[in-house]
Amino acid sequence: MKPLSALAARWQAVSGRERQLVVAGLALLLLALLWWVGVAPALATLRSAQTQRQLLDAQLQQMQSLQMRAKVLQAQPRIAFDEARRLLEASVKPLGATAQLMLAGERATVTLKGASADAVAQWLMQVRLNVRAVPSDARLVRSASGAWDGTLTLNLK
């Protein structure tokens, strides 16, 4: 006998009530499988969709804000090289003895020794806005006291 015909013969030998129970069990198993594979993941996604949307909206607003800042910075007129050099020299003075400026052509190297993180952050923001110079290379190390040591290289053009 073939396995399929043996299964059909066994099915015919089972009483009607047992057949109904087996069919009901298979239907219940199929419904549970459909729930775990199809419906439950979709419901979980639907539940988290509002939170995800709010997070993505916040990220979009932040990106649009950064885009507007970038456009404003790009729209600013270029500063003459001599003026940029003068502004950079003036911006280093408030850092005092913690910073030393060396100029070589269009590159400026600032050596920091024991500069506080806040002072460096404010100085970098001031240099970006006023001098329109961006660091091209930064090699900084934080000391045990929390101060910064190292060099920053800026392009003035």
C-alpha atoms as a PDB file:
ATOM      1  CA  MET A   1       0.000   0.000   0.000  1.00  0.00           C
ATOM      2  CA  LYS A   2       1.074   3.468  -0.728  1.00  0.00           C
ATOM      3  CA  PRO A   3       1.466   5.870   2.213  1.00  0.00           C
ATOM      4  CA  LEU A   4      -1.287   8.164   0.935  1.00  0.00           C
ATOM      5  CA  SER A   5      -3.787   5.352   0.488  1.00  0.00           C
ATOM      6  CA  ALA A   6      -2.862   4.039   3.945  1.00  0.00           C
ATOM      7  CA  LEU A   7      -3.570   7.467   5.393  1.00  0.00           C
ATOM      8  CA  ALA A   8      -6.920   7.630   3.554  1.00  0.00           C
ATOM      9  CA  ALA A   9      -7.836   4.181   4.883  1.00  0.00           C
ATOM     10  CA  ARG A  10      -6.929   5.217   8.426  1.00  0.00           C
ATOM     11  CA  TRP A  11      -9.002   8.410   8.023  1.00  0.00           C
ATOM     12  CA  GLN A  12     -12.026   6.371   6.954  1.00  0.00           C
ATOM     13  CA  ALA A  13     -11.585   4.098   9.976  1.00  0.00           C
ATOM     14  CA  VAL A  14     -11.755   7.035  12.412  1.00  0.00           C
ATOM     15  CA  SER A  15     -15.187   7.920  13.778  1.00  0.00           C
ATOM     16  CA  GLY A  16     -16.985  11.089  12.722  1.00  0.00           C
ATOM     17  CA  ARG A  17     -16.479  12.776  16.088  1.00  0.00           C
ATOM     18  CA  GLU A  18     -12.736  12.128  16.032  1.00  0.00           C
ATOM     19  CA  ARG A  19     -12.578  13.534  12.485  1.00  0.00           C
ATOM     20  CA  GLN A  20     -14.296  16.707  13.659  1.00  0.00           C
ATOM     21  CA  LEU A  21     -11.826  17.041  16.544  1.00  0.00           C
ATOM     22  CA  VAL A  22      -8.834  16.543  14.246  1.00  0.00           C
ATOM     23  CA  VAL A  23     -10.200  19.092  11.734  1.00  0.00           C
ATOM     24  CA  ALA A  24     -10.933  21.543  14.565  1.00  0.00           C
ATOM     25  CA  GLY A  25      -7.403  21.040  15.971  1.00  0.00           C
ATOM     26  CA  LEU A  26      -5.855  21.606  12.540  1.00  0.00           C
ATOM     27  CA  ALA A  27      -8.004  24.720  12.040  1.00  0.00           C
ATOM     28  CA  LEU A  28      -6.922  26.025  15.460  1.00  0.00           C
ATOM     29  CA  LEU A  29      -3.288  25.313  14.631  1.00  0.00           C
ATOM     30  CA  LEU A  30      -3.674  27.079  11.278  1.00  0.00           C
ATOM     31  CA  LEU A  31      -5.276  30.107  12.957  1.00  0.00           C
ATOM     32  CA  ALA A  32      -2.502  30.272  15.575  1.00  0.00           C
ATOM     33  CA  LEU A  33       0.143  30.072  12.848  1.00  0.00           C
ATOM     34  CA  LEU A  34      -1.641  32.783  10.865  1.00  0.00           C
ATOM     35  CA  TRP A  35      -1.749  34.982  13.986  1.00  0.00           C
ATOM     36  CA  TRP A  36       1.955  34.532  14.879  1.00  0.00           C
ATOM     37  CA  VAL A  37       3.235  34.922  11.336  1.00  0.00           C
ATOM     38  CA  GLY A  38       0.819  37.398   9.769  1.00  0.00           C
ATOM     39  CA  VAL A  39      -1.222  39.408  12.233  1.00  0.00           C
ATOM     40  CA  ALA A  40       0.907  39.857  15.395  1.00  0.00           C
ATOM     41  CA  PRO A  41       3.942  41.420  13.645  1.00  0.00           C
ATOM     42  CA  ALA A  42       1.669  43.779  11.715  1.00  0.00           C
ATOM     43  CA  LEU A  43      -0.086  44.858  14.917  1.00  0.00           C
ATOM     44  CA  ALA A  44       3.261  45.444  16.646  1.00  0.00           C
ATOM     45  CA  THR A  45       4.361  47.617  13.734  1.00  0.00           C
ATOM     46  CA  LEU A  46       1.080  49.498  13.839  1.00  0.00           C
ATOM     47  CA  ARG A  47       1.434  50.114  17.594  1.00  0.00           C
ATOM     48  CA  SER A  48       4.948  51.525  17.232  1.00  0.00           C
ATOM     49  CA  ALA A  49       4.207  53.517  14.064  1.00  0.00           C
ATOM     50  CA  GLN A  50       3.124  56.699  15.869  1.00  0.00           C
ATOM     51  CA  THR A  51       6.248  56.774  18.050  1.00  0.00           C
ATOM     52  CA  GLN A  52       8.473  56.077  15.058  1.00  0.00           C
ATOM     53  CA  ARG A  53       6.736  58.828  13.089  1.00  0.00           C
ATOM     54  CA  GLN A  54       7.310  61.339  15.883  1.00  0.00           C
ATOM     55  CA  LEU A  55      10.995  60.412  16.070  1.00  0.00           C
ATOM     56  CA  LEU A  56      11.391  60.701  12.311  1.00  0.00           C
ATOM     57  CA  ASP A  57       9.571  64.056  12.291  1.00  0.00           C
ATOM     58  CA  ALA A  58      11.973  65.352  14.954  1.00  0.00           C
ATOM     59  CA  GLN A  59      14.952  64.122  12.923  1.00  0.00           C
ATOM     60  CA  LEU A  60      13.530  65.747   9.796  1.00  0.00           C
ATOM     61  CA  GLN A  61      13.131  69.072  11.582  1.00  0.00           C
ATOM     62  CA  GLN A  62      16.698  68.869  12.870  1.00  0.00           C
ATOM     63  CA  MET A  63      18.016  68.056   9.387  1.00  0.00           C
ATOM     64  CA  GLN A  64      16.039  70.943   7.880  1.00  0.00           C
ATOM     65  CA  SER A  65      17.437  73.264  10.533  1.00  0.00           C
ATOM     66  CA  LEU A  66      20.977  72.119   9.738  1.00  0.00           C
ATOM     67  CA  GLN A  67      20.265  72.565   6.028  1.00  0.00           C
ATOM     68  CA  MET A  68      19.133  76.141   6.620  1.00  0.00           C
ATOM     69  CA  ARG A  69      22.290  76.845   8.665  1.00  0.00           C
ATOM     70  CA  ALA A  70      24.440  75.416   5.902  1.00  0.00           C
ATOM     71  CA  LYS A  71      22.701  77.544   3.285  1.00  0.00           C
ATOM     72  CA  VAL A  72      23.190  80.667   5.414  1.00  0.00           C
ATOM     73  CA  LEU A  73      26.891  79.863   5.840  1.00  0.00           C
ATOM     74  CA  GLN A  74      27.289  79.179   2.124  1.00  0.00           C
ATOM     75  CA  ALA A  75      25.579  82.455   1.249  1.00  0.00           C
ATOM     76  CA  GLN A  76      28.012  84.502   3.324  1.00  0.00           C
ATOM     77  CA  PRO A  77      30.521  86.429   1.239  1.00  0.00           C
ATOM     78  CA  ARG A  78      34.111  85.268   1.264  1.00  0.00           C
ATOM     79  CA  ILE A  79      36.551  87.082   3.504  1.00  0.00           C
ATOM     80  CA  ALA A  80      39.798  88.373   2.055  1.00  0.00           C
ATOM     81  CA  PHE A  81      42.814  86.297   3.052  1.00  0.00           C
ATOM     82  CA  ASP A  82      44.475  89.124   5.018  1.00  0.00           C
ATOM     83  CA  GLU A  83      41.243  89.834   6.898  1.00  0.00           C
ATOM     84  CA  ALA A  84      40.791  86.124   7.712  1.00  0.00           C
ATOM     85  CA  ARG A  85      44.358  85.985   8.992  1.00  0.00           C
ATOM     86  CA  ARG A  86      43.834  89.052  11.189  1.00  0.00           C
ATOM     87  CA  LEU A  87      40.545  87.684  12.585  1.00  0.00           C
ATOM     88  CA  LEU A  88      42.163  84.319  13.320  1.00  0.00           C
ATOM     89  CA  GLU A  89      45.048  85.939  15.161  1.00  0.00           C
ATOM     90  CA  ALA A  90      42.562  87.983  17.206  1.00  0.00           C
ATOM     91  CA  SER A  91      40.450  84.905  17.982  1.00  0.00           C
ATOM     92  CA  VAL A  92      43.417  83.012  19.472  1.00  0.00           C
ATOM     93  CA  LYS A  93      44.312  85.787  21.935  1.00  0.00           C
ATOM     94  CA  PRO A  94      41.449  85.025  24.385  1.00  0.00           C
ATOM     95  CA  LEU A  95      42.753  81.462  24.731  1.00  0.00           C
ATOM     96  CA  GLY A  96      45.898  82.962  26.259  1.00  0.00           C
ATOM     97  CA  ALA A  97      48.896  80.795  26.941  1.00  0.00           C
ATOM     98  CA  THR A  98      46.951  77.597  26.216  1.00  0.00           C
ATOM     99  CA  ALA A  99      47.068  78.242  22.448  1.00  0.00           C
ATOM    100  CA  GLN A 100      49.833  79.114  20.017  1.00  0.00           C
ATOM    101  CA  LEU A 101      49.151  80.050  16.382  1.00  0.00           C
ATOM    102  CA  MET A 102      51.511  79.319  13.497  1.00  0.00           C
ATOM    103  CA  LEU A 103      50.663  80.518   9.979  1.00  0.00           C
ATOM    104  CA  ALA A 104      52.091  78.934   6.840  1.00  0.00           C
ATOM    105  CA  GLY A 105      50.536  80.131   3.621  1.00  0.00           C
ATOM    106  CA  GLU A 106      46.818  79.360   3.603  1.00  0.00           C
ATOM    107  CA  ARG A 107      47.120  76.977   6.540  1.00  0.00           C
ATOM    108  CA  ALA A 108      47.062  77.863  10.193  1.00  0.00           C
ATOM    109  CA  THR A 109      48.115  75.460  12.917  1.00  0.00           C
ATOM    110  CA  VAL A 110      46.941  76.041  16.454  1.00  0.00           C
ATOM    111  CA  THR A 111      48.795  74.158  19.184  1.00  0.00           C
ATOM    112  CA  LEU A 112      46.783  73.662  22.364  1.00  0.00           C
ATOM    113  CA  LYS A 113      48.277  72.904  25.784  1.00  0.00           C
ATOM    114  CA  GLY A 114      45.866  72.511  28.662  1.00  0.00           C
ATOM    115  CA  ALA A 115      42.928  74.265  26.971  1.00  0.00           C
ATOM    116  CA  SER A 116      39.496  73.692  28.488  1.00  0.00           C
ATOM    117  CA  ALA A 117      36.901  71.916  26.386  1.00  0.00           C
ATOM    118  CA  ASP A 118      34.456  74.825  26.646  1.00  0.00           C
ATOM    119  CA  ALA A 119      37.067  77.350  25.536  1.00  0.00           C
ATOM    120  CA  VAL A 120      38.036  75.192  22.549  1.00  0.00           C
ATOM    121  CA  ALA A 121      34.393  74.672  21.550  1.00  0.00           C
ATOM    122  CA  GLN A 122      33.619  78.390  21.747  1.00  0.00           C
ATOM    123  CA  TRP A 123      36.793  79.251  19.873  1.00  0.00           C
ATOM    124  CA  LEU A 124      35.985  76.770  17.089  1.00  0.00           C
ATOM    125  CA  MET A 125      32.474  78.198  16.742  1.00  0.00           C
ATOM    126  CA  GLN A 126      33.861  81.727  16.600  1.00  0.00           C
ATOM    127  CA  VAL A 127      36.454  80.734  13.992  1.00  0.00           C
ATOM    128  CA  ARG A 128      33.795  79.026  11.873  1.00  0.00           C
ATOM    129  CA  LEU A 129      31.432  81.999  11.956  1.00  0.00           C
ATOM    130  CA  ASN A 130      33.824  84.948  11.882  1.00  0.00           C
ATOM    131  CA  VAL A 131      36.892  83.678  10.044  1.00  0.00           C
ATOM    132  CA  ARG A 132      34.983  81.058   8.024  1.00  0.00           C
ATOM    133  CA  ALA A 133      37.792  78.600   8.561  1.00  0.00           C
ATOM    134  CA  VAL A 134      37.140  74.925   9.111  1.00  0.00           C
ATOM    135  CA  PRO A 135      39.543  72.475  10.751  1.00  0.00           C
ATOM    136  CA  SER A 136      41.087  70.195   8.160  1.00  0.00           C
ATOM    137  CA  ASP A 137      43.020  68.144  10.692  1.00  0.00           C
ATOM    138  CA  ALA A 138      42.639  67.706  14.434  1.00  0.00           C
ATOM    139  CA  ARG A 139      44.955  65.741  16.670  1.00  0.00           C
ATOM    140  CA  LEU A 140      43.753  66.299  20.189  1.00  0.00           C
ATOM    141  CA  VAL A 141      44.281  64.307  23.354  1.00  0.00           C
ATOM    142  CA  ARG A 142      42.347  64.808  26.553  1.00  0.00           C
ATOM    143  CA  SER A 143      44.606  64.989  29.583  1.00  0.00           C
ATOM    144  CA  ALA A 144      43.813  63.555  33.006  1.00  0.00           C
ATOM    145  CA  SER A 145      42.669  66.991  34.189  1.00  0.00           C
ATOM    146  CA  GLY A 146      40.072  67.170  31.377  1.00  0.00           C
ATOM    147  CA  ALA A 147      41.972  69.755  29.337  1.00  0.00           C
ATOM    148  CA  TRP A 148      42.894  69.359  25.668  1.00  0.00           C
ATOM    149  CA  ASP A 149      46.410  69.069  24.267  1.00  0.00           C
ATOM    150  CA  GLY A 150      47.295  68.764  20.579  1.00  0.00           C
ATOM    151  CA  THR A 151      47.073  70.569  17.257  1.00  0.00           C
ATOM    152  CA  LEU A 152      44.345  71.844  14.970  1.00  0.00           C
ATOM    153  CA  THR A 153      45.042  72.697  11.352  1.00  0.00           C
ATOM    154  CA  LEU A 154      42.741  75.200   9.651  1.00  0.00           C
ATOM    155  CA  ASN A 155      42.414  76.188   5.993  1.00  0.00           C
ATOM    156  CA  LEU A 156      41.902  79.900   5.535  1.00  0.00           C
ATOM    157  CA  LYS A 157      40.637  79.714   1.943  1.00  0.00           C
END
